[in-house]
Amino acid sequence: MKRAFVFPGQGSQAVGMGAALSDAFPAAREVFEEVDDALGQKLSVLMREGPMEELTLTANTQPALMAHSIAAVRVLEKEAGVRIGEAMFVAGHSLGEYSALCAAGALSLSDTARLLRIRGEAMQAAAPVGAGAMAALIGVDLEAAQKAIDAAEGVGVCEIANDNAPGQVVISGARERVEAVCAGAKEFGAKLAKLLPVSAPFHSSLMQPAAERMAEALAEAEIKAPAVPVVANVTAAAETSPDAIRDLLVKQVTGRVRWTESVGYMTGKGCEIFVEIGSGKVLSGLIKRINRDASTANVGEPSDIEAFAKS
């Protein structure tokens, strides 16, 4: 079957995520327990009970979303006989790339949890709270978004952070400059320009201190060749070399998430079905906007497991 498994990034979190899966399947509970042990924190309780303000702290959000995704993977493998290694590709959006690597066996679950905790803390520490911002520009392509950036006045950097889908580009950088881009974006065809509720200017050059911290952490982590090619955010192409994966995970902190190109790469190679594993349905929506002919499915709740097994 020509399918890919894809893993969501920040913004898909919700209080209660993974709880039903944990209640229904021992394999899921084992994942949450291992992540709790790796972090020395009852992250599973925070995921189940909140509060949302604490769950949304990036140092918590990143390992939490990964834990939910990998719990669903383990249940799929045990209950539905699904083998991740039989897919054409795995891919993830931003932190979701770590989930993809864990699912494909390139990273252990404990190492993935610890790396994402470090990543979240380093990204938050890289820029003072309030100094940076991110915004979504709706209705523009990459060229128009860049023109809006070039035309905006203001101090500091502003860069394209995510190419999510046709008509959805996310920018990131110094708050003053990002706000200036939003103010003038309609002149370049944007239907809407809105600041995002994030705590730092992710995927911009302002994250360079975090990239340096991740280079140190990743140098100590064991990375194996994945069982299935991982389509990297930075290159929008399949990677299998542990050394290349390590390097790209460092570059990903400051680099653009090339999601439109990544989905295009996979469909260009013959992929027809994209299975989003974990919390929410954000990626499925983006994939349908990128390629209307692509089929999508979601696996994050017990009912999804049953439906996927039948299909």
C-alpha atoms as a PDB file:
ATOM      1  CA  MET A   1       0.000   0.000   0.000  1.00  0.00           C
ATOM      2  CA  LYS A   2       1.413   3.359  -1.039  1.00  0.00           C
ATOM      3  CA  ARG A   3       1.067   5.279   2.195  1.00  0.00           C
ATOM      4  CA  ALA A   4       2.986   7.574   4.489  1.00  0.00           C
ATOM      5  CA  PHE A   5       2.643   8.128   8.208  1.00  0.00           C
ATOM      6  CA  VAL A   6       2.784  11.773   9.249  1.00  0.00           C
ATOM      7  CA  PHE A   7       3.092  13.309  12.716  1.00  0.00           C
ATOM      8  CA  PRO A   8       1.703  16.642  13.954  1.00  0.00           C
ATOM      9  CA  GLY A   9       3.568  19.576  15.455  1.00  0.00           C
ATOM     10  CA  GLN A  10       2.893  22.319  17.958  1.00  0.00           C
ATOM     11  CA  GLY A  11      -0.647  23.655  17.916  1.00  0.00           C
ATOM     12  CA  SER A  12      -2.304  20.229  17.911  1.00  0.00           C
ATOM     13  CA  GLN A  13      -2.154  19.821  21.704  1.00  0.00           C
ATOM     14  CA  ALA A  14      -5.317  19.613  23.826  1.00  0.00           C
ATOM     15  CA  VAL A  15      -6.082  18.735  27.438  1.00  0.00           C
ATOM     16  CA  GLY A  16      -7.135  15.078  27.502  1.00  0.00           C
ATOM     17  CA  MET A  17      -4.879  14.089  24.619  1.00  0.00           C
ATOM     18  CA  GLY A  18      -3.958  10.418  24.755  1.00  0.00           C
ATOM     19  CA  ALA A  19      -6.142   9.684  27.792  1.00  0.00           C
ATOM     20  CA  ALA A  20      -8.667   7.432  26.031  1.00  0.00           C
ATOM     21  CA  LEU A  21      -5.851   5.598  24.269  1.00  0.00           C
ATOM     22  CA  SER A  22      -4.092   5.034  27.589  1.00  0.00           C
ATOM     23  CA  ASP A  23      -7.288   3.808  29.257  1.00  0.00           C
ATOM     24  CA  ALA A  24      -8.019   1.356  26.447  1.00  0.00           C
ATOM     25  CA  PHE A  25      -4.619  -0.119  25.604  1.00  0.00           C
ATOM     26  CA  PRO A  26      -1.700  -1.289  27.788  1.00  0.00           C
ATOM     27  CA  ALA A  27       0.714  -0.590  24.906  1.00  0.00           C
ATOM     28  CA  ALA A  28      -0.234   3.090  25.057  1.00  0.00           C
ATOM     29  CA  ARG A  29       0.104   3.233  28.837  1.00  0.00           C
ATOM     30  CA  GLU A  30       3.610   1.815  28.570  1.00  0.00           C
ATOM     31  CA  VAL A  31       4.605   4.662  26.249  1.00  0.00           C
ATOM     32  CA  PHE A  32       3.311   7.347  28.598  1.00  0.00           C
ATOM     33  CA  GLU A  33       5.017   5.677  31.573  1.00  0.00           C
ATOM     34  CA  GLU A  34       8.345   5.514  29.744  1.00  0.00           C
ATOM     35  CA  VAL A  35       8.120   9.180  28.766  1.00  0.00           C
ATOM     36  CA  ASP A  36       7.264  10.126  32.360  1.00  0.00           C
ATOM     37  CA  ASP A  37      10.294   8.179  33.592  1.00  0.00           C
ATOM     38  CA  ALA A  38      12.601   9.698  30.955  1.00  0.00           C
ATOM     39  CA  LEU A  39      11.584  13.230  31.921  1.00  0.00           C
ATOM     40  CA  GLY A  40      11.245  12.683  35.663  1.00  0.00           C
ATOM     41  CA  GLN A  41       7.817  14.311  35.396  1.00  0.00           C
ATOM     42  CA  LYS A  42       4.214  13.105  35.328  1.00  0.00           C
ATOM     43  CA  LEU A  43       3.701  14.542  31.858  1.00  0.00           C
ATOM     44  CA  SER A  44       0.886  12.037  31.280  1.00  0.00           C
ATOM     45  CA  VAL A  45      -1.087  13.620  34.147  1.00  0.00           C
ATOM     46  CA  LEU A  46      -0.592  17.095  32.667  1.00  0.00           C
ATOM     47  CA  MET A  47      -1.760  15.788  29.289  1.00  0.00           C
ATOM     48  CA  ARG A  48      -4.838  14.226  30.844  1.00  0.00           C
ATOM     49  CA  GLU A  49      -5.827  16.963  33.323  1.00  0.00           C
ATOM     50  CA  GLY A  50      -4.122  20.179  32.235  1.00  0.00           C
ATOM     51  CA  PRO A  51      -4.097  23.076  32.874  1.00  0.00           C
ATOM     52  CA  MET A  52      -3.881  24.103  29.233  1.00  0.00           C
ATOM     53  CA  GLU A  53      -1.541  26.999  30.072  1.00  0.00           C
ATOM     54  CA  GLU A  54       1.040  24.561  31.421  1.00  0.00           C
ATOM     55  CA  LEU A  55       0.528  22.012  28.652  1.00  0.00           C
ATOM     56  CA  THR A  56       1.082  24.756  26.071  1.00  0.00           C
ATOM     57  CA  LEU A  57       4.535  25.619  27.453  1.00  0.00           C
ATOM     58  CA  THR A  58       6.734  24.501  24.584  1.00  0.00           C
ATOM     59  CA  ALA A  59       8.962  22.352  26.833  1.00  0.00           C
ATOM     60  CA  ASN A  60       5.836  20.331  27.722  1.00  0.00           C
ATOM     61  CA  THR A  61       3.997  20.505  24.404  1.00  0.00           C
ATOM     62  CA  GLN A  62       6.800  18.992  22.372  1.00  0.00           C
ATOM     63  CA  PRO A  63       7.288  15.719  24.305  1.00  0.00           C
ATOM     64  CA  ALA A  64       3.523  15.490  24.960  1.00  0.00           C
ATOM     65  CA  LEU A  65       2.582  15.511  21.296  1.00  0.00           C
ATOM     66  CA  MET A  66       5.316  12.997  20.556  1.00  0.00           C
ATOM     67  CA  ALA A  67       4.140  10.713  23.368  1.00  0.00           C
ATOM     68  CA  HIS A  68       0.574  10.690  22.040  1.00  0.00           C
ATOM     69  CA  SER A  69       1.792   9.921  18.528  1.00  0.00           C
ATOM     70  CA  ILE A  70       4.079   7.073  19.584  1.00  0.00           C
ATOM     71  CA  ALA A  71       1.389   5.615  21.864  1.00  0.00           C
ATOM     72  CA  ALA A  72      -0.902   5.462  18.819  1.00  0.00           C
ATOM     73  CA  VAL A  73       1.893   3.888  16.754  1.00  0.00           C
ATOM     74  CA  ARG A  74       2.492   1.157  19.339  1.00  0.00           C
ATOM     75  CA  VAL A  75      -1.235   0.376  19.531  1.00  0.00           C
ATOM     76  CA  LEU A  76      -1.489   0.255  15.735  1.00  0.00           C
ATOM     77  CA  GLU A  77       1.402  -2.179  15.629  1.00  0.00           C
ATOM     78  CA  LYS A  78       0.019  -4.427  18.364  1.00  0.00           C
ATOM     79  CA  GLU A  79      -3.739  -4.282  17.753  1.00  0.00           C
ATOM     80  CA  ALA A  80      -3.954  -3.733  13.989  1.00  0.00           C
ATOM     81  CA  GLY A  81      -0.781  -5.467  12.821  1.00  0.00           C
ATOM     82  CA  VAL A  82       0.455  -2.294  11.124  1.00  0.00           C
ATOM     83  CA  ARG A  83       4.159  -2.164  10.375  1.00  0.00           C
ATOM     84  CA  ILE A  84       5.613   1.335  10.095  1.00  0.00           C
ATOM     85  CA  GLY A  85       8.540  -0.078   8.109  1.00  0.00           C
ATOM     86  CA  GLU A  86       6.172  -1.127   5.312  1.00  0.00           C
ATOM     87  CA  ALA A  87       5.199   2.480   4.599  1.00  0.00           C
ATOM     88  CA  MET A  88       6.786   4.463   1.772  1.00  0.00           C
ATOM     89  CA  PHE A  89       7.745   7.346   4.059  1.00  0.00           C
ATOM     90  CA  VAL A  90       7.338   8.928   7.462  1.00  0.00           C
ATOM     91  CA  ALA A  91       7.370  12.681   7.998  1.00  0.00           C
ATOM     92  CA  GLY A  92       6.498  15.157  10.722  1.00  0.00           C
ATOM     93  CA  HIS A  93       5.803  18.861  11.026  1.00  0.00           C
ATOM     94  CA  SER A  94       8.566  20.546  13.060  1.00  0.00           C
ATOM     95  CA  LEU A  95       8.709  18.595  16.361  1.00  0.00           C
ATOM     96  CA  GLY A  96       6.700  15.901  14.555  1.00  0.00           C
ATOM     97  CA  GLU A  97       9.880  14.988  12.703  1.00  0.00           C
ATOM     98  CA  TYR A  98      11.187  13.610  16.014  1.00  0.00           C
ATOM     99  CA  SER A  99       7.990  11.545  16.356  1.00  0.00           C
ATOM    100  CA  ALA A 100       8.537  10.231  12.829  1.00  0.00           C
ATOM    101  CA  LEU A 101      12.131   9.273  13.620  1.00  0.00           C
ATOM    102  CA  CYS A 102      11.063   7.519  16.818  1.00  0.00           C
ATOM    103  CA  ALA A 103       8.281   5.650  15.003  1.00  0.00           C
ATOM    104  CA  ALA A 104      10.791   4.512  12.369  1.00  0.00           C
ATOM    105  CA  GLY A 105      13.241   3.267  15.003  1.00  0.00           C
ATOM    106  CA  ALA A 106      15.930   5.900  14.414  1.00  0.00           C
ATOM    107  CA  LEU A 107      15.581   7.266  17.959  1.00  0.00           C
ATOM    108  CA  SER A 108      14.594   5.478  21.145  1.00  0.00           C
ATOM    109  CA  LEU A 109      11.457   6.697  22.902  1.00  0.00           C
ATOM    110  CA  SER A 110      13.350   7.866  26.012  1.00  0.00           C
ATOM    111  CA  ASP A 111      15.948   9.730  23.953  1.00  0.00           C
ATOM    112  CA  THR A 112      13.215  11.353  21.855  1.00  0.00           C
ATOM    113  CA  ALA A 113      11.432  12.593  24.963  1.00  0.00           C
ATOM    114  CA  ARG A 114      14.628  14.002  26.452  1.00  0.00           C
ATOM    115  CA  LEU A 115      15.675  15.643  23.177  1.00  0.00           C
ATOM    116  CA  LEU A 116      12.294  17.325  22.806  1.00  0.00           C
ATOM    117  CA  ARG A 117      12.424  18.597  26.388  1.00  0.00           C
ATOM    118  CA  ILE A 118      15.851  20.102  25.665  1.00  0.00           C
ATOM    119  CA  ARG A 119      14.596  21.468  22.330  1.00  0.00           C
ATOM    120  CA  GLY A 120      11.575  23.102  23.938  1.00  0.00           C
ATOM    121  CA  GLU A 121      13.597  24.680  26.735  1.00  0.00           C
ATOM    122  CA  ALA A 122      16.313  25.860  24.349  1.00  0.00           C
ATOM    123  CA  MET A 123      13.833  27.386  21.899  1.00  0.00           C
ATOM    124  CA  GLN A 124      12.068  29.240  24.706  1.00  0.00           C
ATOM    125  CA  ALA A 125      15.369  30.519  26.108  1.00  0.00           C
ATOM    126  CA  ALA A 126      16.726  31.640  22.724  1.00  0.00           C
ATOM    127  CA  ALA A 127      14.639  34.824  22.636  1.00  0.00           C
ATOM    128  CA  PRO A 128      13.220  36.936  25.485  1.00  0.00           C
ATOM    129  CA  VAL A 129       9.483  36.461  26.007  1.00  0.00           C
ATOM    130  CA  GLY A 130       7.623  39.036  23.951  1.00  0.00           C
ATOM    131  CA  ALA A 131      10.605  39.981  21.791  1.00  0.00           C
ATOM    132  CA  GLY A 132       9.666  37.613  18.978  1.00  0.00           C
ATOM    133  CA  ALA A 133       6.454  36.663  17.218  1.00  0.00           C
ATOM    134  CA  MET A 134       4.995  34.450  14.525  1.00  0.00           C
ATOM    135  CA  ALA A 135       2.076  35.151  12.215  1.00  0.00           C
ATOM    136  CA  ALA A 136       0.053  33.289   9.613  1.00  0.00           C
ATOM    137  CA  LEU A 137      -0.481  34.921   6.242  1.00  0.00           C
ATOM    138  CA  ILE A 138      -3.579  33.455   4.620  1.00  0.00           C
ATOM    139  CA  GLY A 139      -4.163  33.663   0.888  1.00  0.00           C
ATOM    140  CA  VAL A 140      -0.587  34.306  -0.248  1.00  0.00           C
ATOM    141  CA  ASP A 141       2.108  32.176  -1.819  1.00  0.00           C
ATOM    142  CA  LEU A 142       5.788  32.172  -0.875  1.00  0.00           C
ATOM    143  CA  GLU A 143       6.691  34.885  -3.383  1.00  0.00           C
ATOM    144  CA  ALA A 144       3.983  37.260  -2.162  1.00  0.00           C
ATOM    145  CA  ALA A 145       4.881  36.562   1.462  1.00  0.00           C
ATOM    146  CA  GLN A 146       8.515  37.432   0.786  1.00  0.00           C
ATOM    147  CA  LYS A 147       7.478  40.657  -0.942  1.00  0.00           C
ATOM    148  CA  ALA A 148       5.392  41.594   2.097  1.00  0.00           C
ATOM    149  CA  ILE A 149       8.409  40.963   4.321  1.00  0.00           C
ATOM    150  CA  ASP A 150      10.726  42.994   2.098  1.00  0.00           C
ATOM    151  CA  ALA A 151       8.298  45.926   2.024  1.00  0.00           C
ATOM    152  CA  ALA A 152       7.673  46.072   5.766  1.00  0.00           C
ATOM    153  CA  GLU A 153       9.502  48.594   7.891  1.00  0.00           C
ATOM    154  CA  GLY A 154      10.721  47.805  11.368  1.00  0.00           C
ATOM    155  CA  VAL A 155      13.738  46.669  13.295  1.00  0.00           C
ATOM    156  CA  GLY A 156      14.894  43.072  13.329  1.00  0.00           C
ATOM    157  CA  VAL A 157      14.598  39.964  11.201  1.00  0.00           C
ATOM    158  CA  CYS A 158      11.447  38.495   9.716  1.00  0.00           C
ATOM    159  CA  GLU A 159      11.611  35.246   7.777  1.00  0.00           C
ATOM    160  CA  ILE A 160       9.348  32.601   6.303  1.00  0.00           C
ATOM    161  CA  ALA A 161       9.096  29.870   8.930  1.00  0.00           C
ATOM    162  CA  ASN A 162       6.533  27.449   7.478  1.00  0.00           C
ATOM    163  CA  ASP A 163       5.272  26.807   3.974  1.00  0.00           C
ATOM    164  CA  ASN A 164       2.263  24.859   5.210  1.00  0.00           C
ATOM    165  CA  ALA A 165      -0.002  24.661   2.167  1.00  0.00           C
ATOM    166  CA  PRO A 166      -1.029  26.771  -0.825  1.00  0.00           C
ATOM    167  CA  GLY A 167      -2.341  29.994   0.657  1.00  0.00           C
ATOM    168  CA  GLN A 168      -0.906  29.443   4.143  1.00  0.00           C
ATOM    169  CA  VAL A 169       2.528  30.814   4.959  1.00  0.00           C
ATOM    170  CA  VAL A 170       3.836  31.421   8.476  1.00  0.00           C
ATOM    171  CA  ILE A 171       6.397  34.148   9.191  1.00  0.00           C
ATOM    172  CA  SER A 172       8.645  34.472  12.237  1.00  0.00           C
ATOM    173  CA  GLY A 173      11.027  36.997  13.722  1.00  0.00           C
ATOM    174  CA  ALA A 174      11.267  40.175  15.768  1.00  0.00           C
ATOM    175  CA  ARG A 175       7.812  41.227  16.972  1.00  0.00           C
ATOM    176  CA  GLU A 176       7.952  44.778  15.598  1.00  0.00           C
ATOM    177  CA  ARG A 177       8.878  43.545  12.125  1.00  0.00           C
ATOM    178  CA  VAL A 178       6.322  40.709  12.133  1.00  0.00           C
ATOM    179  CA  GLU A 179       3.568  43.132  13.155  1.00  0.00           C
ATOM    180  CA  ALA A 180       4.632  45.504  10.354  1.00  0.00           C
ATOM    181  CA  VAL A 181       4.389  42.677   7.820  1.00  0.00           C
ATOM    182  CA  CYS A 182       0.900  41.829   9.069  1.00  0.00           C
ATOM    183  CA  ALA A 183      -0.170  45.462   8.784  1.00  0.00           C
ATOM    184  CA  GLY A 184       0.808  45.635   5.116  1.00  0.00           C
ATOM    185  CA  ALA A 185       0.155  42.062   4.014  1.00  0.00           C
ATOM    186  CA  LYS A 186      -3.210  42.773   2.357  1.00  0.00           C
ATOM    187  CA  GLU A 187      -1.421  44.930  -0.210  1.00  0.00           C
ATOM    188  CA  PHE A 188       0.266  41.727  -1.376  1.00  0.00           C
ATOM    189  CA  GLY A 189      -2.902  39.642  -1.565  1.00  0.00           C
ATOM    190  CA  ALA A 190      -3.270  38.316   1.973  1.00  0.00           C
ATOM    191  CA  LYS A 191      -6.879  37.681   2.970  1.00  0.00           C
ATOM    192  CA  LEU A 192      -5.848  37.539   6.603  1.00  0.00           C
ATOM    193  CA  ALA A 193      -2.707  38.158   8.622  1.00  0.00           C
ATOM    194  CA  LYS A 194      -2.864  37.074  12.253  1.00  0.00           C
ATOM    195  CA  LEU A 195      -0.359  36.729  15.058  1.00  0.00           C
ATOM    196  CA  LEU A 196      -0.089  33.185  16.427  1.00  0.00           C
ATOM    197  CA  PRO A 197      -0.299  32.350  20.142  1.00  0.00           C
ATOM    198  CA  VAL A 198       3.275  31.121  20.455  1.00  0.00           C
ATOM    199  CA  SER A 199       5.935  31.985  22.987  1.00  0.00           C
ATOM    200  CA  ALA A 200       8.953  32.418  20.696  1.00  0.00           C
ATOM    201  CA  PRO A 201       9.896  33.086  17.034  1.00  0.00           C
ATOM    202  CA  PHE A 202      10.369  29.460  16.016  1.00  0.00           C
ATOM    203  CA  HIS A 203      12.075  28.468  12.753  1.00  0.00           C
ATOM    204  CA  SER A 204      13.874  31.774  12.365  1.00  0.00           C
ATOM    205  CA  SER A 205      17.512  32.830  12.684  1.00  0.00           C
ATOM    206  CA  LEU A 206      16.661  34.145  16.173  1.00  0.00           C
ATOM    207  CA  MET A 207      16.656  30.477  17.233  1.00  0.00           C
ATOM    208  CA  GLN A 208      20.406  30.081  16.545  1.00  0.00           C
ATOM    209  CA  PRO A 209      21.260  29.664  20.267  1.00  0.00           C
ATOM    210  CA  ALA A 210      18.744  26.804  20.392  1.00  0.00           C
ATOM    211  CA  ALA A 211      20.296  25.224  17.301  1.00  0.00           C
ATOM    212  CA  GLU A 212      23.678  25.266  19.020  1.00  0.00           C
ATOM    213  CA  ARG A 213      22.190  23.631  22.120  1.00  0.00           C
ATOM    214  CA  MET A 214      20.537  20.953  19.964  1.00  0.00           C
ATOM    215  CA  ALA A 215      23.816  20.289  18.167  1.00  0.00           C
ATOM    216  CA  GLU A 216      25.342  19.433  21.554  1.00  0.00           C
ATOM    217  CA  ALA A 217      22.407  17.241  22.606  1.00  0.00           C
ATOM    218  CA  LEU A 218      22.150  15.421  19.276  1.00  0.00           C
ATOM    219  CA  ALA A 219      25.901  14.744  19.234  1.00  0.00           C
ATOM    220  CA  GLU A 220      25.382  12.585  22.324  1.00  0.00           C
ATOM    221  CA  ALA A 221      22.222  10.836  21.090  1.00  0.00           C
ATOM    222  CA  GLU A 222      22.261   7.483  19.333  1.00  0.00           C
ATOM    223  CA  ILE A 223      20.614   7.766  15.921  1.00  0.00           C
ATOM    224  CA  LYS A 224      20.110   4.614  13.860  1.00  0.00           C
ATOM    225  CA  ALA A 225      19.130   4.269  10.224  1.00  0.00           C
ATOM    226  CA  PRO A 226      15.316   4.510  10.137  1.00  0.00           C
ATOM    227  CA  ALA A 227      13.302   1.493   9.008  1.00  0.00           C
ATOM    228  CA  VAL A 228      11.586   3.720   6.448  1.00  0.00           C
ATOM    229  CA  PRO A 229      12.859   6.930   4.778  1.00  0.00           C
ATOM    230  CA  VAL A 230      12.120  10.117   6.721  1.00  0.00           C
ATOM    231  CA  VAL A 231      11.177  13.171   4.661  1.00  0.00           C
ATOM    232  CA  ALA A 232      13.014  16.022   6.367  1.00  0.00           C
ATOM    233  CA  ASN A 233      11.495  19.464   6.913  1.00  0.00           C
ATOM    234  CA  VAL A 234      14.659  21.236   5.815  1.00  0.00           C
ATOM    235  CA  THR A 235      15.231  19.411   2.515  1.00  0.00           C
ATOM    236  CA  ALA A 236      11.712  18.170   1.659  1.00  0.00           C
ATOM    237  CA  ALA A 237      13.415  14.942   0.574  1.00  0.00           C
ATOM    238  CA  ALA A 238      13.889  11.439   1.967  1.00  0.00           C
ATOM    239  CA  GLU A 239      16.800  10.859   4.322  1.00  0.00           C
ATOM    240  CA  THR A 240      18.109   7.602   5.801  1.00  0.00           C
ATOM    241  CA  SER A 241      21.668   8.433   6.883  1.00  0.00           C
ATOM    242  CA  PRO A 242      22.020   8.902  10.664  1.00  0.00           C
ATOM    243  CA  ASP A 243      24.689  11.578  10.153  1.00  0.00           C
ATOM    244  CA  ALA A 244      22.489  13.486   7.688  1.00  0.00           C
ATOM    245  CA  ILE A 245      19.492  13.198  10.022  1.00  0.00           C
ATOM    246  CA  ARG A 246      21.525  14.558  12.939  1.00  0.00           C
ATOM    247  CA  ASP A 247      22.691  17.532  10.868  1.00  0.00           C
ATOM    248  CA  LEU A 248      19.214  18.285   9.534  1.00  0.00           C
ATOM    249  CA  LEU A 249      17.641  18.217  12.995  1.00  0.00           C
ATOM    250  CA  VAL A 250      20.057  20.967  14.004  1.00  0.00           C
ATOM    251  CA  LYS A 251      19.297  23.007  10.880  1.00  0.00           C
ATOM    252  CA  GLN A 252      15.568  22.470  11.404  1.00  0.00           C
ATOM    253  CA  VAL A 253      15.577  24.687  14.532  1.00  0.00           C
ATOM    254  CA  THR A 254      16.281  27.809  12.466  1.00  0.00           C
ATOM    255  CA  GLY A 255      15.207  26.483   9.057  1.00  0.00           C
ATOM    256  CA  ARG A 256      11.945  26.604   7.158  1.00  0.00           C
ATOM    257  CA  VAL A 257       9.381  23.822   7.500  1.00  0.00           C
ATOM    258  CA  ARG A 258       8.871  22.962   3.829  1.00  0.00           C
ATOM    259  CA  TRP A 259       5.624  21.073   4.314  1.00  0.00           C
ATOM    260  CA  THR A 260       4.056  21.838   0.924  1.00  0.00           C
ATOM    261  CA  GLU A 261       7.175  20.588  -0.826  1.00  0.00           C
ATOM    262  CA  SER A 262       7.436  17.579   1.488  1.00  0.00           C
ATOM    263  CA  VAL A 263       3.920  16.402   0.642  1.00  0.00           C
ATOM    264  CA  GLY A 264       4.614  17.107  -3.029  1.00  0.00           C
ATOM    265  CA  TYR A 265       7.766  14.991  -2.822  1.00  0.00           C
ATOM    266  CA  MET A 266       5.875  12.050  -1.335  1.00  0.00           C
ATOM    267  CA  THR A 267       2.985  12.203  -3.804  1.00  0.00           C
ATOM    268  CA  GLY A 268       5.520  12.600  -6.616  1.00  0.00           C
ATOM    269  CA  LYS A 269       7.048   9.302  -5.540  1.00  0.00           C
ATOM    270  CA  GLY A 270       3.644   7.613  -5.738  1.00  0.00           C
ATOM    271  CA  CYS A 271       2.329   8.014  -2.187  1.00  0.00           C
ATOM    272  CA  GLU A 272      -1.483   8.003  -2.199  1.00  0.00           C
ATOM    273  CA  ILE A 273      -2.554   7.730   1.455  1.00  0.00           C
ATOM    274  CA  PHE A 274      -1.392   9.864   4.364  1.00  0.00           C
ATOM    275  CA  VAL A 275      -2.117   8.631   7.880  1.00  0.00           C
ATOM    276  CA  GLU A 276      -1.836  11.350  10.531  1.00  0.00           C
ATOM    277  CA  ILE A 277      -0.926   9.774  13.858  1.00  0.00           C
ATOM    278  CA  GLY A 278      -1.484  11.580  17.139  1.00  0.00           C
ATOM    279  CA  SER A 279      -3.419  14.610  18.292  1.00  0.00           C
ATOM    280  CA  GLY A 280      -5.720  16.591  16.009  1.00  0.00           C
ATOM    281  CA  LYS A 281      -6.223  16.703  12.256  1.00  0.00           C
ATOM    282  CA  VAL A 282      -4.164  19.728  11.244  1.00  0.00           C
ATOM    283  CA  LEU A 283      -1.860  17.904   8.830  1.00  0.00           C
ATOM    284  CA  SER A 284      -4.726  16.080   7.126  1.00  0.00           C
ATOM    285  CA  GLY A 285      -6.316  19.426   6.331  1.00  0.00           C
ATOM    286  CA  LEU A 286      -3.075  20.817   4.940  1.00  0.00           C
ATOM    287  CA  ILE A 287      -2.453  17.700   2.850  1.00  0.00           C
ATOM    288  CA  LYS A 288      -5.886  17.941   1.214  1.00  0.00           C
ATOM    289  CA  ARG A 289      -5.139  21.565   0.333  1.00  0.00           C
ATOM    290  CA  ILE A 290      -1.799  20.580  -1.162  1.00  0.00           C
ATOM    291  CA  ASN A 291      -3.162  17.636  -3.159  1.00  0.00           C
ATOM    292  CA  ARG A 292      -6.910  17.084  -3.480  1.00  0.00           C
ATOM    293  CA  ASP A 293      -6.351  13.571  -4.843  1.00  0.00           C
ATOM    294  CA  ALA A 294      -4.504  12.403  -1.726  1.00  0.00           C
ATOM    295  CA  SER A 295      -6.422  10.279   0.768  1.00  0.00           C
ATOM    296  CA  THR A 296      -6.039  10.987   4.476  1.00  0.00           C
ATOM    297  CA  ALA A 297      -6.816   9.127   7.692  1.00  0.00           C
ATOM    298  CA  ASN A 298      -6.361   9.984  11.341  1.00  0.00           C
ATOM    299  CA  VAL A 299      -5.313   7.745  14.207  1.00  0.00           C
ATOM    300  CA  GLY A 300      -5.339   9.237  17.680  1.00  0.00           C
ATOM    301  CA  GLU A 301      -8.294   7.746  19.544  1.00  0.00           C
ATOM    302  CA  PRO A 302      -9.432   4.144  20.237  1.00  0.00           C
ATOM    303  CA  SER A 303     -12.223   4.399  17.654  1.00  0.00           C
ATOM    304  CA  ASP A 304      -9.640   5.413  15.058  1.00  0.00           C
ATOM    305  CA  ILE A 305      -7.657   2.256  15.747  1.00  0.00           C
ATOM    306  CA  GLU A 306     -10.713   0.081  15.093  1.00  0.00           C
ATOM    307  CA  ALA A 307     -11.629   1.961  11.928  1.00  0.00           C
ATOM    308  CA  PHE A 308      -8.079   1.795  10.604  1.00  0.00           C
ATOM    309  CA  ALA A 309      -7.814  -1.936  11.320  1.00  0.00           C
ATOM    310  CA  LYS A 310     -11.029  -2.569   9.348  1.00  0.00           C
ATOM    311  CA  SER A 311      -9.842  -0.461   6.426  1.00  0.00           C
END
